[in-house]
Protein backbone atom coordinates (compact mmCIF):
# COMPACT_ATOMS: atom_id res chain seq x y z
CA MET A 1 0.29 -0.25 -0.17
CA THR A 2 2.46 2.55 -1.16
CA GLU A 3 -0.13 4.52 -2.75
CA LYS A 4 -1.26 7.19 -1.09
CA LYS A 5 -4.85 8.59 -1.74
CA LYS A 6 -6.80 10.54 0.06
CA ARG A 7 -9.50 8.85 1.96
CA SER A 8 -12.91 10.22 1.46
CA PRO A 9 -15.32 9.95 4.40
CA GLU A 10 -17.75 7.19 3.67
CA GLU A 11 -14.52 4.76 3.80
CA ILE A 12 -12.73 6.29 6.69
CA GLU A 13 -16.51 5.55 8.18
CA GLU A 14 -16.87 1.98 7.03
CA ILE A 15 -13.09 1.08 8.33
CA ALA A 16 -14.25 2.32 11.57
CA ARG A 17 -17.16 0.58 11.58
CA ARG A 18 -15.60 -2.41 10.28
CA ARG A 19 -13.46 -2.18 13.52
CA ASP A 20 -16.22 -1.54 16.04
CA VAL A 21 -17.42 -5.00 14.48
CA ASN A 22 -14.48 -6.49 15.17
CA GLU A 23 -13.91 -5.54 18.47
CA HIS A 24 -17.70 -6.32 19.77
CA THR A 25 -17.24 -9.98 18.26
CA VAL A 26 -14.07 -10.16 20.29
CA VAL A 27 -15.91 -9.29 23.40
CA CYS A 28 -18.73 -10.88 22.76
CA LEU A 29 -16.24 -14.34 22.44
CA VAL A 30 -14.76 -13.30 25.71
CA ALA A 31 -17.84 -13.22 27.86
CA MET A 32 -19.04 -16.48 26.25
CA VAL A 33 -15.36 -18.38 26.89
CA LEU A 34 -15.57 -16.95 30.49
CA ILE A 35 -19.26 -18.18 31.08
CA VAL A 36 -18.22 -21.22 30.05
CA LEU A 37 -15.28 -21.44 32.53
CA MET A 38 -17.38 -20.30 35.21
CA ALA A 39 -20.30 -23.33 34.55
CA VAL A 40 -17.59 -25.29 34.50
CA ALA A 41 -15.80 -24.53 37.41
CA SER A 42 -19.56 -24.32 39.29
CA MET A 43 -20.52 -28.18 38.38
CA PHE A 44 -16.57 -29.03 39.70
CA THR A 45 -17.36 -27.33 42.76
CA ALA A 46 -20.73 -28.14 43.28
CA GLY A 47 -20.27 -31.92 42.45
């Protein structure tokens, strides 16, 4: 990407939106993993 062309506002917005979606996906995955870990831990401690 050596070619430097001016980005349009729409393009910048699109990139920002994509980054937000990626962040949201990561947060969801981390939350799911934590929930699964807590469920497994409670199963082990209860059983």
